[in-house]
Amino acid sequence: MLGVNAWTGEEALPYVRMRKEDPNGDFGRNTRQRQVIQAVIKEGASVSSLTNFSTIFKAIGDNVKTNLTFEQMVDIQKNYKAAGSNIQQMEIKGKGTTINGIYYLQIPQDEQLHVQNELRA
């Protein structure tokens, strides 16, 4: 299978949606979704993507809505493309439990405070 960067949207969609077949369940799906988002950011930061906006918009179709103008998107791409190489990830630690047939990740108070402080920083 080709790397995430070489996939079409049709190939990436089942990859990011898969959950039950993954031994890590939702956590594995989250990892795959981050991989694809990072690849999209990397591709979006390339100069060549500016010339392919119409193709990109057709590919994402009804899945993304925005009130940004084309000029605003170009400005964002131009001024923030370096940010794509500075993505920081944080994992929230907790204990999984099922209540009434629904899975929940219960986050301890100290972990909640840790995450809040990290986000503020």
PDB file of N, CA and C in Angstrom:
ATOM      1  N   MET A   1       0.838  -1.172   0.000  1.00  0.00           N
ATOM      2  CA  MET A   1       0.000   0.000   0.000  1.00  0.00           C
ATOM      3  C   MET A   1       0.886   1.239   0.000  1.00  0.00           C
ATOM      4  N   LEU A   2       0.514   2.225  -0.755  1.00  0.00           N
ATOM      5  CA  LEU A   2       1.281   3.453  -0.839  1.00  0.00           C
ATOM      6  C   LEU A   2       1.201   4.220   0.473  1.00  0.00           C
ATOM      7  N   GLY A   3       2.152   5.137   0.685  1.00  0.00           N
ATOM      8  CA  GLY A   3       2.134   5.967   1.881  1.00  0.00           C
ATOM      9  C   GLY A   3       0.929   6.889   1.887  1.00  0.00           C
ATOM     10  N   VAL A   4       0.603   7.399   3.056  1.00  0.00           N
ATOM     11  CA  VAL A   4      -0.559   8.258   3.240  1.00  0.00           C
ATOM     12  C   VAL A   4      -0.517   9.438   2.280  1.00  0.00           C
ATOM     13  N   ASN A   5       0.657   9.993   2.013  1.00  0.00           N
ATOM     14  CA  ASN A   5       0.777  11.166   1.148  1.00  0.00           C
ATOM     15  C   ASN A   5       0.376  10.884  -0.292  1.00  0.00           C
ATOM     16  N   ALA A   6       0.422   9.632  -0.717  1.00  0.00           N
ATOM     17  CA  ALA A   6       0.127   9.305  -2.100  1.00  0.00           C
ATOM     18  C   ALA A   6      -1.306   8.833  -2.306  1.00  0.00           C
ATOM     19  N   TRP A   7      -2.099   8.799  -1.274  1.00  0.00           N
ATOM     20  CA  TRP A   7      -3.461   8.299  -1.370  1.00  0.00           C
ATOM     21  C   TRP A   7      -4.407   9.319  -1.960  1.00  0.00           C
ATOM     22  N   THR A   8      -5.460   8.800  -2.574  1.00  0.00           N
ATOM     23  CA  THR A   8      -6.575   9.644  -2.956  1.00  0.00           C
ATOM     24  C   THR A   8      -7.521   9.730  -1.765  1.00  0.00           C
ATOM     25  N   GLY A   9      -8.464  10.655  -1.823  1.00  0.00           N
ATOM     26  CA  GLY A   9      -9.444  10.763  -0.753  1.00  0.00           C
ATOM     27  C   GLY A   9     -10.231   9.477  -0.577  1.00  0.00           C
ATOM     28  N   GLU A  10     -10.545   8.814  -1.691  1.00  0.00           N
ATOM     29  CA  GLU A  10     -11.317   7.564  -1.621  1.00  0.00           C
ATOM     30  C   GLU A  10     -10.519   6.470  -0.924  1.00  0.00           C
ATOM     31  N   GLU A  11      -9.203   6.486  -1.067  1.00  0.00           N
ATOM     32  CA  GLU A  11      -8.366   5.489  -0.400  1.00  0.00           C
ATOM     33  C   GLU A  11      -8.169   5.830   1.076  1.00  0.00           C
ATOM     34  N   ALA A  12      -8.086   7.122   1.385  1.00  0.00           N
ATOM     35  CA  ALA A  12      -7.829   7.546   2.763  1.00  0.00           C
ATOM     36  C   ALA A  12      -9.061   7.383   3.656  1.00  0.00           C
ATOM     37  N   LEU A  13     -10.244   7.538   3.090  1.00  0.00           N
ATOM     38  CA  LEU A  13     -11.460   7.523   3.900  1.00  0.00           C
ATOM     39  C   LEU A  13     -11.651   6.228   4.685  1.00  0.00           C
ATOM     40  N   PRO A  14     -11.581   5.036   4.070  1.00  0.00           N
ATOM     41  CA  PRO A  14     -11.728   3.819   4.881  1.00  0.00           C
ATOM     42  C   PRO A  14     -10.590   3.652   5.892  1.00  0.00           C
ATOM     43  N   TYR A  15      -9.411   4.150   5.549  1.00  0.00           N
ATOM     44  CA  TYR A  15      -8.257   4.069   6.455  1.00  0.00           C
ATOM     45  C   TYR A  15      -8.520   4.865   7.731  1.00  0.00           C
ATOM     46  N   VAL A  16      -9.057   6.072   7.605  1.00  0.00           N
ATOM     47  CA  VAL A  16      -9.285   6.886   8.798  1.00  0.00           C
ATOM     48  C   VAL A  16     -10.550   6.491   9.551  1.00  0.00           C
ATOM     49  N   ARG A  17     -11.475   5.816   8.884  1.00  0.00           N
ATOM     50  CA  ARG A  17     -12.724   5.427   9.541  1.00  0.00           C
ATOM     51  C   ARG A  17     -12.640   4.087  10.259  1.00  0.00           C
ATOM     52  N   MET A  18     -11.702   3.224   9.851  1.00  0.00           N
ATOM     53  CA  MET A  18     -11.615   1.885  10.424  1.00  0.00           C
ATOM     54  C   MET A  18     -11.424   1.969  11.935  1.00  0.00           C
ATOM     55  N   ARG A  19     -12.187   1.181  12.667  1.00  0.00           N
ATOM     56  CA  ARG A  19     -12.082   1.179  14.121  1.00  0.00           C
ATOM     57  C   ARG A  19     -12.137  -0.233  14.672  1.00  0.00           C
ATOM     58  N   LYS A  20     -13.158  -0.988  14.284  1.00  0.00           N
ATOM     59  CA  LYS A  20     -13.379  -2.297  14.894  1.00  0.00           C
ATOM     60  C   LYS A  20     -12.283  -3.294  14.569  1.00  0.00           C
ATOM     61  N   GLU A  21     -11.656  -3.158  13.396  1.00  0.00           N
ATOM     62  CA  GLU A  21     -10.583  -4.081  13.009  1.00  0.00           C
ATOM     63  C   GLU A  21      -9.261  -3.708  13.659  1.00  0.00           C
ATOM     64  N   ASP A  22      -9.184  -2.530  14.238  1.00  0.00           N
ATOM     65  CA  ASP A  22      -7.946  -2.052  14.847  1.00  0.00           C
ATOM     66  C   ASP A  22      -7.880  -2.517  16.300  1.00  0.00           C
ATOM     67  N   PRO A  23      -6.789  -3.167  16.703  1.00  0.00           N
ATOM     68  CA  PRO A  23      -6.687  -3.615  18.095  1.00  0.00           C
ATOM     69  C   PRO A  23      -6.713  -2.458  19.097  1.00  0.00           C
ATOM     70  N   ASN A  24      -6.430  -1.245  18.640  1.00  0.00           N
ATOM     71  CA  ASN A  24      -6.460  -0.073  19.517  1.00  0.00           C
ATOM     72  C   ASN A  24      -7.773   0.703  19.413  1.00  0.00           C
ATOM     73  N   GLY A  25      -8.734   0.188  18.656  1.00  0.00           N
ATOM     74  CA  GLY A  25     -10.058   0.805  18.559  1.00  0.00           C
ATOM     75  C   GLY A  25     -10.018   2.257  18.149  1.00  0.00           C
ATOM     76  N   ASP A  26     -10.740   3.088  18.897  1.00  0.00           N
ATOM     77  CA  ASP A  26     -10.808   4.513  18.592  1.00  0.00           C
ATOM     78  C   ASP A  26      -9.443   5.189  18.660  1.00  0.00           C
ATOM     79  N   PHE A  27      -8.579   4.708  19.546  1.00  0.00           N
ATOM     80  CA  PHE A  27      -7.262   5.318  19.676  1.00  0.00           C
ATOM     81  C   PHE A  27      -6.436   5.095  18.402  1.00  0.00           C
ATOM     82  N   GLY A  28      -6.532   3.912  17.824  1.00  0.00           N
ATOM     83  CA  GLY A  28      -5.848   3.648  16.555  1.00  0.00           C
ATOM     84  C   GLY A  28      -6.418   4.499  15.441  1.00  0.00           C
ATOM     85  N   ARG A  29      -7.737   4.654  15.439  1.00  0.00           N
ATOM     86  CA  ARG A  29      -8.381   5.499  14.431  1.00  0.00           C
ATOM     87  C   ARG A  29      -7.909   6.944  14.587  1.00  0.00           C
ATOM     88  N   ASN A  30      -7.808   7.410  15.817  1.00  0.00           N
ATOM     89  CA  ASN A  30      -7.322   8.777  16.045  1.00  0.00           C
ATOM     90  C   ASN A  30      -5.912   8.967  15.503  1.00  0.00           C
ATOM     91  N   THR A  31      -5.059   7.971  15.698  1.00  0.00           N
ATOM     92  CA  THR A  31      -3.692   8.040  15.179  1.00  0.00           C
ATOM     93  C   THR A  31      -3.701   8.147  13.659  1.00  0.00           C
ATOM     94  N   ARG A  32      -4.518   7.315  13.012  1.00  0.00           N
ATOM     95  CA  ARG A  32      -4.583   7.359  11.552  1.00  0.00           C
ATOM     96  C   ARG A  32      -5.147   8.694  11.052  1.00  0.00           C
ATOM     97  N   GLN A  33      -6.135   9.225  11.756  1.00  0.00           N
ATOM     98  CA  GLN A  33      -6.700  10.511  11.357  1.00  0.00           C
ATOM     99  C   GLN A  33      -5.647  11.612  11.462  1.00  0.00           C
ATOM    100  N   ARG A  34      -4.828  11.570  12.510  1.00  0.00           N
ATOM    101  CA  ARG A  34      -3.750  12.563  12.638  1.00  0.00           C
ATOM    102  C   ARG A  34      -2.756  12.436  11.492  1.00  0.00           C
ATOM    103  N   GLN A  35      -2.431  11.199  11.100  1.00  0.00           N
ATOM    104  CA  GLN A  35      -1.498  10.986   9.989  1.00  0.00           C
ATOM    105  C   GLN A  35      -2.029  11.642   8.716  1.00  0.00           C
ATOM    106  N   VAL A  36      -3.299  11.426   8.441  1.00  0.00           N
ATOM    107  CA  VAL A  36      -3.883  11.970   7.209  1.00  0.00           C
ATOM    108  C   VAL A  36      -3.971  13.492   7.294  1.00  0.00           C
ATOM    109  N   ILE A  37      -4.365  14.023   8.442  1.00  0.00           N
ATOM    110  CA  ILE A  37      -4.443  15.483   8.590  1.00  0.00           C
ATOM    111  C   ILE A  37      -3.064  16.107   8.398  1.00  0.00           C
ATOM    112  N   GLN A  38      -2.037  15.494   8.957  1.00  0.00           N
ATOM    113  CA  GLN A  38      -0.685  16.021   8.786  1.00  0.00           C
ATOM    114  C   GLN A  38      -0.255  15.978   7.321  1.00  0.00           C
ATOM    115  N   ALA A  39      -0.622  14.916   6.619  1.00  0.00           N
ATOM    116  CA  ALA A  39      -0.289  14.826   5.195  1.00  0.00           C
ATOM    117  C   ALA A  39      -1.024  15.903   4.401  1.00  0.00           C
ATOM    118  N   VAL A  40      -2.279  16.168   4.765  1.00  0.00           N
ATOM    119  CA  VAL A  40      -3.053  17.221   4.089  1.00  0.00           C
ATOM    120  C   VAL A  40      -2.426  18.580   4.353  1.00  0.00           C
ATOM    121  N   ILE A  41      -2.023  18.826   5.595  1.00  0.00           N
ATOM    122  CA  ILE A  41      -1.380  20.101   5.929  1.00  0.00           C
ATOM    123  C   ILE A  41      -0.090  20.260   5.145  1.00  0.00           C
ATOM    124  N   LYS A  42       0.698  19.188   5.092  1.00  0.00           N
ATOM    125  CA  LYS A  42       1.960  19.242   4.350  1.00  0.00           C
ATOM    126  C   LYS A  42       1.710  19.533   2.872  1.00  0.00           C
ATOM    127  N   GLU A  43       0.734  18.869   2.306  1.00  0.00           N
ATOM    128  CA  GLU A  43       0.407  19.089   0.893  1.00  0.00           C
ATOM    129  C   GLU A  43      -0.153  20.491   0.685  1.00  0.00           C
ATOM    130  N   GLY A  44      -0.986  20.938   1.609  1.00  0.00           N
ATOM    131  CA  GLY A  44      -1.576  22.271   1.488  1.00  0.00           C
ATOM    132  C   GLY A  44      -0.552  23.373   1.595  1.00  0.00           C
ATOM    133  N   ALA A  45       0.568  23.103   2.245  1.00  0.00           N
ATOM    134  CA  ALA A  45       1.608  24.108   2.401  1.00  0.00           C
ATOM    135  C   ALA A  45       2.490  24.231   1.173  1.00  0.00           C
ATOM    136  N   SER A  46       2.349  23.313   0.242  1.00  0.00           N
ATOM    137  CA  SER A  46       3.199  23.382  -0.951  1.00  0.00           C
ATOM    138  C   SER A  46       2.678  24.442  -1.907  1.00  0.00           C
ATOM    139  N   VAL A  47       3.589  25.079  -2.602  1.00  0.00           N
ATOM    140  CA  VAL A  47       3.221  26.132  -3.550  1.00  0.00           C
ATOM    141  C   VAL A  47       2.337  25.569  -4.658  1.00  0.00           C
ATOM    142  N   SER A  48       2.586  24.340  -5.074  1.00  0.00           N
ATOM    143  CA  SER A  48       1.807  23.760  -6.169  1.00  0.00           C
ATOM    144  C   SER A  48       0.346  23.597  -5.802  1.00  0.00           C
ATOM    145  N   SER A  49       0.044  23.480  -4.507  1.00  0.00           N
ATOM    146  CA  SER A  49      -1.356  23.296  -4.121  1.00  0.00           C
ATOM    147  C   SER A  49      -2.180  24.543  -4.400  1.00  0.00           C
ATOM    148  N   LEU A  50      -1.541  25.705  -4.447  1.00  0.00           N
ATOM    149  CA  LEU A  50      -2.270  26.937  -4.769  1.00  0.00           C
ATOM    150  C   LEU A  50      -2.904  26.872  -6.149  1.00  0.00           C
ATOM    151  N   THR A  51      -2.214  26.260  -7.071  1.00  0.00           N
ATOM    152  CA  THR A  51      -2.743  26.177  -8.432  1.00  0.00           C
ATOM    153  C   THR A  51      -3.784  25.083  -8.572  1.00  0.00           C
ATOM    154  N   ASN A  52      -3.915  24.221  -7.569  1.00  0.00           N
ATOM    155  CA  ASN A  52      -4.852  23.102  -7.630  1.00  0.00           C
ATOM    156  C   ASN A  52      -6.066  23.278  -6.731  1.00  0.00           C
ATOM    157  N   PHE A  53      -6.364  24.513  -6.310  1.00  0.00           N
ATOM    158  CA  PHE A  53      -7.471  24.720  -5.380  1.00  0.00           C
ATOM    159  C   PHE A  53      -8.796  24.204  -5.923  1.00  0.00           C
ATOM    160  N   SER A  54      -9.062  24.418  -7.202  1.00  0.00           N
ATOM    161  CA  SER A  54     -10.356  23.955  -7.716  1.00  0.00           C
ATOM    162  C   SER A  54     -10.460  22.437  -7.637  1.00  0.00           C
ATOM    163  N   THR A  55      -9.379  21.738  -7.919  1.00  0.00           N
ATOM    164  CA  THR A  55      -9.368  20.280  -7.814  1.00  0.00           C
ATOM    165  C   THR A  55      -9.535  19.851  -6.354  1.00  0.00           C
ATOM    166  N   ILE A  56      -8.857  20.560  -5.463  1.00  0.00           N
ATOM    167  CA  ILE A  56      -8.953  20.229  -4.037  1.00  0.00           C
ATOM    168  C   ILE A  56     -10.378  20.439  -3.549  1.00  0.00           C
ATOM    169  N   PHE A  57     -11.006  21.562  -3.932  1.00  0.00           N
ATOM    170  CA  PHE A  57     -12.375  21.830  -3.489  1.00  0.00           C
ATOM    171  C   PHE A  57     -13.350  20.794  -4.024  1.00  0.00           C
ATOM    172  N   LYS A  58     -13.148  20.339  -5.245  1.00  0.00           N
ATOM    173  CA  LYS A  58     -14.011  19.287  -5.780  1.00  0.00           C
ATOM    174  C   LYS A  58     -13.836  17.996  -4.988  1.00  0.00           C
ATOM    175  N   ALA A  59     -12.609  17.697  -4.570  1.00  0.00           N
ATOM    176  CA  ALA A  59     -12.325  16.455  -3.848  1.00  0.00           C
ATOM    177  C   ALA A  59     -12.955  16.454  -2.455  1.00  0.00           C
ATOM    178  N   ILE A  60     -12.938  17.597  -1.790  1.00  0.00           N
ATOM    179  CA  ILE A  60     -13.496  17.617  -0.439  1.00  0.00           C
ATOM    180  C   ILE A  60     -14.999  17.848  -0.442  1.00  0.00           C
ATOM    181  N   GLY A  61     -15.505  18.383  -1.536  1.00  0.00           N
ATOM    182  CA  GLY A  61     -16.942  18.508  -1.752  1.00  0.00           C
ATOM    183  C   GLY A  61     -17.724  19.020  -0.567  1.00  0.00           C
ATOM    184  N   ASP A  62     -18.743  18.273  -0.181  1.00  0.00           N
ATOM    185  CA  ASP A  62     -19.643  18.689   0.892  1.00  0.00           C
ATOM    186  C   ASP A  62     -19.111  18.379   2.292  1.00  0.00           C
ATOM    187  N   ASN A  63     -17.909  17.841   2.373  1.00  0.00           N
ATOM    188  CA  ASN A  63     -17.376  17.453   3.680  1.00  0.00           C
ATOM    189  C   ASN A  63     -16.763  18.612   4.456  1.00  0.00           C
ATOM    190  N   VAL A  64     -16.477  19.717   3.780  1.00  0.00           N
ATOM    191  CA  VAL A  64     -15.879  20.865   4.436  1.00  0.00           C
ATOM    192  C   VAL A  64     -16.635  22.119   4.012  1.00  0.00           C
ATOM    193  N   LYS A  65     -16.958  22.942   4.986  1.00  0.00           N
ATOM    194  CA  LYS A  65     -17.636  24.199   4.699  1.00  0.00           C
ATOM    195  C   LYS A  65     -16.785  25.323   5.265  1.00  0.00           C
ATOM    196  N   THR A  66     -16.720  26.441   4.564  1.00  0.00           N
ATOM    197  CA  THR A  66     -15.951  27.581   5.031  1.00  0.00           C
ATOM    198  C   THR A  66     -16.589  28.872   4.536  1.00  0.00           C
ATOM    199  N   ASN A  67     -16.354  29.947   5.278  1.00  0.00           N
ATOM    200  CA  ASN A  67     -16.783  31.255   4.814  1.00  0.00           C
ATOM    201  C   ASN A  67     -15.578  32.088   4.393  1.00  0.00           C
ATOM    202  N   LEU A  68     -14.412  31.441   4.289  1.00  0.00           N
ATOM    203  CA  LEU A  68     -13.214  32.131   3.829  1.00  0.00           C
ATOM    204  C   LEU A  68     -13.269  32.360   2.327  1.00  0.00           C
ATOM    205  N   THR A  69     -12.762  33.484   1.909  1.00  0.00           N
ATOM    206  CA  THR A  69     -12.644  33.735   0.474  1.00  0.00           C
ATOM    207  C   THR A  69     -11.385  33.052  -0.036  1.00  0.00           C
ATOM    208  N   PHE A  70     -11.278  32.942  -1.343  1.00  0.00           N
ATOM    209  CA  PHE A  70     -10.081  32.349  -1.942  1.00  0.00           C
ATOM    210  C   PHE A  70      -8.848  33.153  -1.532  1.00  0.00           C
ATOM    211  N   GLU A  71      -8.959  34.481  -1.552  1.00  0.00           N
ATOM    212  CA  GLU A  71      -7.829  35.338  -1.192  1.00  0.00           C
ATOM    213  C   GLU A  71      -7.406  35.117   0.260  1.00  0.00           C
ATOM    214  N   GLN A  72      -8.384  34.933   1.152  1.00  0.00           N
ATOM    215  CA  GLN A  72      -8.049  34.667   2.550  1.00  0.00           C
ATOM    216  C   GLN A  72      -7.334  33.328   2.698  1.00  0.00           C
ATOM    217  N   MET A  73      -7.757  32.327   1.946  1.00  0.00           N
ATOM    218  CA  MET A  73      -7.098  31.018   2.009  1.00  0.00           C
ATOM    219  C   MET A  73      -5.670  31.104   1.490  1.00  0.00           C
ATOM    220  N   VAL A  74      -5.468  31.864   0.422  1.00  0.00           N
ATOM    221  CA  VAL A  74      -4.115  32.038  -0.113  1.00  0.00           C
ATOM    222  C   VAL A  74      -3.246  32.744   0.915  1.00  0.00           C
ATOM    223  N   ASP A  75      -3.807  33.755   1.579  1.00  0.00           N
ATOM    224  CA  ASP A  75      -3.069  34.489   2.602  1.00  0.00           C
ATOM    225  C   ASP A  75      -2.675  33.576   3.757  1.00  0.00           C
ATOM    226  N   ILE A  76      -3.607  32.745   4.200  1.00  0.00           N
ATOM    227  CA  ILE A  76      -3.315  31.808   5.283  1.00  0.00           C
ATOM    228  C   ILE A  76      -2.215  30.845   4.860  1.00  0.00           C
ATOM    229  N   GLN A  77      -2.337  30.321   3.656  1.00  0.00           N
ATOM    230  CA  GLN A  77      -1.338  29.365   3.162  1.00  0.00           C
ATOM    231  C   GLN A  77       0.033  30.018   3.104  1.00  0.00           C
ATOM    232  N   LYS A  78       0.077  31.237   2.625  1.00  0.00           N
ATOM    233  CA  LYS A  78       1.352  31.934   2.456  1.00  0.00           C
ATOM    234  C   LYS A  78       1.990  32.284   3.807  1.00  0.00           C
ATOM    235  N   ASN A  79       1.180  32.751   4.739  1.00  0.00           N
ATOM    236  CA  ASN A  79       1.717  33.239   6.007  1.00  0.00           C
ATOM    237  C   ASN A  79       1.910  32.162   7.070  1.00  0.00           C
ATOM    238  N   TYR A  80       1.225  31.035   6.916  1.00  0.00           N
ATOM    239  CA  TYR A  80       1.281  30.031   7.976  1.00  0.00           C
ATOM    240  C   TYR A  80       1.787  28.669   7.520  1.00  0.00           C
ATOM    241  N   LYS A  81       2.321  28.575   6.317  1.00  0.00           N
ATOM    242  CA  LYS A  81       2.733  27.256   5.853  1.00  0.00           C
ATOM    243  C   LYS A  81       3.853  26.657   6.701  1.00  0.00           C
ATOM    244  N   ALA A  82       4.663  27.484   7.327  1.00  0.00           N
ATOM    245  CA  ALA A  82       5.728  26.969   8.189  1.00  0.00           C
ATOM    246  C   ALA A  82       5.151  26.295   9.438  1.00  0.00           C
ATOM    247  N   ALA A  83       3.932  26.655   9.823  1.00  0.00           N
ATOM    248  CA  ALA A  83       3.328  26.068  11.015  1.00  0.00           C
ATOM    249  C   ALA A  83       3.105  24.565  10.846  1.00  0.00           C
ATOM    250  N   GLY A  84       2.951  24.099   9.617  1.00  0.00           N
ATOM    251  CA  GLY A  84       2.734  22.676   9.362  1.00  0.00           C
ATOM    252  C   GLY A  84       3.894  21.811   9.802  1.00  0.00           C
ATOM    253  N   SER A  85       5.077  22.402   9.926  1.00  0.00           N
ATOM    254  CA  SER A  85       6.238  21.628  10.378  1.00  0.00           C
ATOM    255  C   SER A  85       6.425  21.742  11.891  1.00  0.00           C
ATOM    256  N   ASN A  86       5.490  22.413  12.560  1.00  0.00           N
ATOM    257  CA  ASN A  86       5.599  22.602  14.007  1.00  0.00           C
ATOM    258  C   ASN A  86       4.310  22.151  14.701  1.00  0.00           C
ATOM    259  N   ILE A  87       3.861  20.957  14.384  1.00  0.00           N
ATOM    260  CA  ILE A  87       2.642  20.425  14.983  1.00  0.00           C
ATOM    261  C   ILE A  87       3.013  19.671  16.248  1.00  0.00           C
ATOM    262  N   GLN A  88       2.351  20.015  17.329  1.00  0.00           N
ATOM    263  CA  GLN A  88       2.584  19.332  18.591  1.00  0.00           C
ATOM    264  C   GLN A  88       1.334  18.539  18.945  1.00  0.00           C
ATOM    265  N   GLN A  89       1.540  17.327  19.424  1.00  0.00           N
ATOM    266  CA  GLN A  89       0.425  16.468  19.794  1.00  0.00           C
ATOM    267  C   GLN A  89       0.489  16.168  21.284  1.00  0.00           C
ATOM    268  N   MET A  90      -0.676  15.979  21.841  1.00  0.00           N
ATOM    269  CA  MET A  90      -0.757  15.674  23.257  1.00  0.00           C
ATOM    270  C   MET A  90      -1.770  14.547  23.432  1.00  0.00           C
ATOM    271  N   GLU A  91      -1.430  13.589  24.272  1.00  0.00           N
ATOM    272  CA  GLU A  91      -2.337  12.477  24.544  1.00  0.00           C
ATOM    273  C   GLU A  91      -2.939  12.661  25.921  1.00  0.00           C
ATOM    274  N   ILE A  92      -4.237  12.517  26.005  1.00  0.00           N
ATOM    275  CA  ILE A  92      -4.923  12.618  27.283  1.00  0.00           C
ATOM    276  C   ILE A  92      -5.025  11.210  27.861  1.00  0.00           C
ATOM    277  N   LYS A  93      -4.526  11.034  29.053  1.00  0.00           N
ATOM    278  CA  LYS A  93      -4.523   9.720  29.692  1.00  0.00           C
ATOM    279  C   LYS A  93      -5.766   9.563  30.570  1.00  0.00           C
ATOM    280  N   GLY A  94      -6.329   8.397  30.504  1.00  0.00           N
ATOM    281  CA  GLY A  94      -7.511   8.121  31.312  1.00  0.00           C
ATOM    282  C   GLY A  94      -7.764   6.629  31.361  1.00  0.00           C
ATOM    283  N   LYS A  95      -8.882   6.269  31.929  1.00  0.00           N
ATOM    284  CA  LYS A  95      -9.268   4.867  32.069  1.00  0.00           C
ATOM    285  C   LYS A  95     -10.558   4.635  31.300  1.00  0.00           C
ATOM    286  N   GLY A  96     -10.548   3.637  30.428  1.00  0.00           N
ATOM    287  CA  GLY A  96     -11.734   3.317  29.652  1.00  0.00           C
ATOM    288  C   GLY A  96     -12.750   2.541  30.469  1.00  0.00           C
ATOM    289  N   THR A  97     -14.002   2.876  30.280  1.00  0.00           N
ATOM    290  CA  THR A  97     -15.074   2.165  30.956  1.00  0.00           C
ATOM    291  C   THR A  97     -16.318   2.188  30.071  1.00  0.00           C
ATOM    292  N   THR A  98     -17.166   1.212  30.269  1.00  0.00           N
ATOM    293  CA  THR A  98     -18.423   1.152  29.519  1.00  0.00           C
ATOM    294  C   THR A  98     -19.572   1.393  30.490  1.00  0.00           C
ATOM    295  N   ILE A  99     -20.426   2.348  30.146  1.00  0.00           N
ATOM    296  CA  ILE A  99     -21.598   2.670  30.953  1.00  0.00           C
ATOM    297  C   ILE A  99     -22.820   2.584  30.044  1.00  0.00           C
ATOM    298  N   ASN A 100     -23.759   1.714  30.392  1.00  0.00           N
ATOM    299  CA  ASN A 100     -24.969   1.515  29.573  1.00  0.00           C
ATOM    300  C   ASN A 100     -24.632   1.213  28.113  1.00  0.00           C
ATOM    301  N   GLY A 101     -23.598   0.411  27.907  1.00  0.00           N
ATOM    302  CA  GLY A 101     -23.227  -0.010  26.560  1.00  0.00           C
ATOM    303  C   GLY A 101     -22.452   1.022  25.758  1.00  0.00           C
ATOM    304  N   ILE A 102     -22.075   2.138  26.367  1.00  0.00           N
ATOM    305  CA  ILE A 102     -21.327   3.189  25.666  1.00  0.00           C
ATOM    306  C   ILE A 102     -19.958   3.322  26.321  1.00  0.00           C
ATOM    307  N   TYR A 103     -18.918   3.356  25.488  1.00  0.00           N
ATOM    308  CA  TYR A 103     -17.543   3.471  25.980  1.00  0.00           C
ATOM    309  C   TYR A 103     -17.240   4.921  26.322  1.00  0.00           C
ATOM    310  N   TYR A 104     -16.628   5.121  27.477  1.00  0.00           N
ATOM    311  CA  TYR A 104     -16.186   6.447  27.902  1.00  0.00           C
ATOM    312  C   TYR A 104     -14.740   6.373  28.349  1.00  0.00           C
ATOM    313  N   LEU A 105     -14.003   7.424  28.099  1.00  0.00           N
ATOM    314  CA  LEU A 105     -12.665   7.559  28.647  1.00  0.00           C
ATOM    315  C   LEU A 105     -12.786   8.514  29.832  1.00  0.00           C
ATOM    316  N   GLN A 106     -12.592   7.996  31.025  1.00  0.00           N
ATOM    317  CA  GLN A 106     -12.702   8.810  32.228  1.00  0.00           C
ATOM    318  C   GLN A 106     -11.329   9.416  32.530  1.00  0.00           C
ATOM    319  N   ILE A 107     -11.300  10.743  32.584  1.00  0.00           N
ATOM    320  CA  ILE A 107     -10.051  11.477  32.777  1.00  0.00           C
ATOM    321  C   ILE A 107      -9.940  11.895  34.236  1.00  0.00           C
ATOM    322  N   PRO A 108      -8.866  11.468  34.935  1.00  0.00           N
ATOM    323  CA  PRO A 108      -8.690  11.885  36.327  1.00  0.00           C
ATOM    324  C   PRO A 108      -8.497  13.408  36.431  1.00  0.00           C
ATOM    325  N   GLN A 109      -8.861  13.956  37.564  1.00  0.00           N
ATOM    326  CA  GLN A 109      -8.780  15.405  37.786  1.00  0.00           C
ATOM    327  C   GLN A 109      -7.371  15.943  37.539  1.00  0.00           C
ATOM    328  N   ASP A 110      -6.332  15.229  38.021  1.00  0.00           N
ATOM    329  CA  ASP A 110      -4.964  15.719  37.835  1.00  0.00           C
ATOM    330  C   ASP A 110      -4.580  15.762  36.360  1.00  0.00           C
ATOM    331  N   GLU A 111      -5.073  14.816  35.571  1.00  0.00           N
ATOM    332  CA  GLU A 111      -4.800  14.822  34.131  1.00  0.00           C
ATOM    333  C   GLU A 111      -5.543  15.971  33.457  1.00  0.00           C
ATOM    334  N   GLN A 112      -6.768  16.238  33.892  1.00  0.00           N
ATOM    335  CA  GLN A 112      -7.515  17.377  33.351  1.00  0.00           C
ATOM    336  C   GLN A 112      -6.759  18.678  33.592  1.00  0.00           C
ATOM    337  N   LEU A 113      -6.243  18.851  34.801  1.00  0.00           N
ATOM    338  CA  LEU A 113      -5.480  20.059  35.123  1.00  0.00           C
ATOM    339  C   LEU A 113      -4.205  20.145  34.300  1.00  0.00           C
ATOM    340  N   HIS A 114      -3.535  19.002  34.122  1.00  0.00           N
ATOM    341  CA  HIS A 114      -2.307  18.964  33.313  1.00  0.00           C
ATOM    342  C   HIS A 114      -2.599  19.425  31.878  1.00  0.00           C
ATOM    343  N   VAL A 115      -3.653  18.889  31.281  1.00  0.00           N
ATOM    344  CA  VAL A 115      -4.005  19.252  29.910  1.00  0.00           C
ATOM    345  C   VAL A 115      -4.389  20.728  29.820  1.00  0.00           C
ATOM    346  N   GLN A 116      -5.167  21.212  30.778  1.00  0.00           N
ATOM    347  CA  GLN A 116      -5.542  22.626  30.787  1.00  0.00           C
ATOM    348  C   GLN A 116      -4.307  23.523  30.847  1.00  0.00           C
ATOM    349  N   ASN A 117      -3.358  23.171  31.707  1.00  0.00           N
ATOM    350  CA  ASN A 117      -2.141  23.971  31.826  1.00  0.00           C
ATOM    351  C   ASN A 117      -1.306  23.937  30.559  1.00  0.00           C
ATOM    352  N   GLU A 118      -1.212  22.765  29.927  1.00  0.00           N
ATOM    353  CA  GLU A 118      -0.470  22.652  28.671  1.00  0.00           C
ATOM    354  C   GLU A 118      -1.097  23.512  27.576  1.00  0.00           C
ATOM    355  N   LEU A 119      -2.426  23.487  27.491  1.00  0.00           N
ATOM    356  CA  LEU A 119      -3.108  24.279  26.473  1.00  0.00           C
ATOM    357  C   LEU A 119      -2.950  25.776  26.731  1.00  0.00           C
ATOM    358  N   ARG A 120      -2.980  26.164  27.985  1.00  0.00           N
ATOM    359  CA  ARG A 120      -2.773  27.584  28.314  1.00  0.00           C
ATOM    360  C   ARG A 120      -1.354  28.034  27.949  1.00  0.00           C
ATOM    361  N   ALA A 121      -0.383  27.150  28.214  1.00  0.00           N
ATOM    362  CA  ALA A 121       1.012  27.489  27.938  1.00  0.00           C
ATOM    363  C   ALA A 121       1.228  27.649  26.442  1.00  0.00           C
TER     364      ALA A 121
END
